[in-house]
């Protein structure tokens, strides 16, 4: 049973760290990552004895269900009419009330409170699942996997909070872990598909490297621990070694970035170049080389354009966007005669996007706030210039007078939701411009 718990812990810990490293501000991936990481901690604590450990484990056991409710809410998408209300309810009602009930269950340890605890974590999950399906308006393969895994996950959490003694807790934990892994993988793959990326090769490489390192170090420590009578300290050492080994491999790029900040703190240019090269290396396996851009519909092409604009200032991440394979990019590279390097393609795509956004600018003025300026302002200043008007402590250094005026205008007169709607419409215009320049 210890080996089964360790393997399940390793898989959940790896996938949680993988999603965390690749979340890039996407709420669904971010929350799925933390749900898996919390569950990995639950699995680790299940291998130990003691009243305190048991109480902590009981509290943490229900947290993944609360977090996964937030994942389903994030999957509604920014344009959903239920999204804002569901987000508020999840943040300020479901999570705090659920945690309070779980703590009460752990302290009082009565059958009535255990039923309440199961209801507090399972019912919101099922409600979010119903809202998601109604919002989709149809069930695709991805939605079917989410439904099945969510239902099994809810049953497993209920069985864990209300012990039925039908199966050992270890098997219940392993089953819940499998459901969470399926859900996390669906979120990762579907998010990648939405932005024209593929994860098959990268996932295979990540799981293989993490598995080899965990096996090498875990076996060595395990042999030392089990050469004598294993105790809690020995089990903790095994879990800690496996978890650390997986973290070092899976978070290799973020850790290298942290080391660069420490070693090359005063050489910002060097750090930027190293970061872009790392991002490019990580992004290359995710690029879909077989994407037929000319056959994409308007929505799919607009998603690729928006994703490219999100990474406008990061050539390393722009490499993975399928738009680097545009015919206009090929034409520019032929003129340059500098070869066909991935970073060169990202540079040319960046220039093409800049040109398309500039086409939205009205003539005769340098800056304006009338209706005819909304599309240009909504894309140029947040993406090309890089201002972040809704941050609490925005960085205004290096901005010219027009950019500062735009920042002040956004802050004073443009709600964040309105800006999103303007960007959504403007991205479609840019997508139509790219289609006209490449295939018409």
Foldseek 3Di string as FASTA:
>chain_A
DLVLLLVLLLLLLLLLLLLCLVVLPQLLSPLLSVLSNLLSVLSLLVVADDLVSVLVSQLSLLVSLLSVLSNLLSVLDPPFPCNVVSNCCSPPPLVVVLSVLSNVCSVVVDQVSLQVNLCSRQVSSVVSLVVSCVSVVDADPLNVLLVVLSVLLSVLSSCQSNPPPPDDNSVSSSSNSVSSSSNSVSVVQVVLVLQQWGCPVVVVVLVVQLVVQLVVQLVVLVCVQVVDDHHPVSSVVSSVRSSVSSNCSSCVLVVVLVVCCVPVVPPVVVSLVVNLVVLQVSQVNTADPPDPVLPDDLSSLLSNLVVLLQCLVRLSNNLRGNCLPFVVLVVVCVVVVPDDDSSSSSVVVSVLSVVLLVVQDDPDDPDDDDPSCLLSLLRCQCRVVNWDLPDPDTDPPPDDPRSVVSSVCCNPPNDPSNSVVSPSVSSSSSSVVSSVVGPD
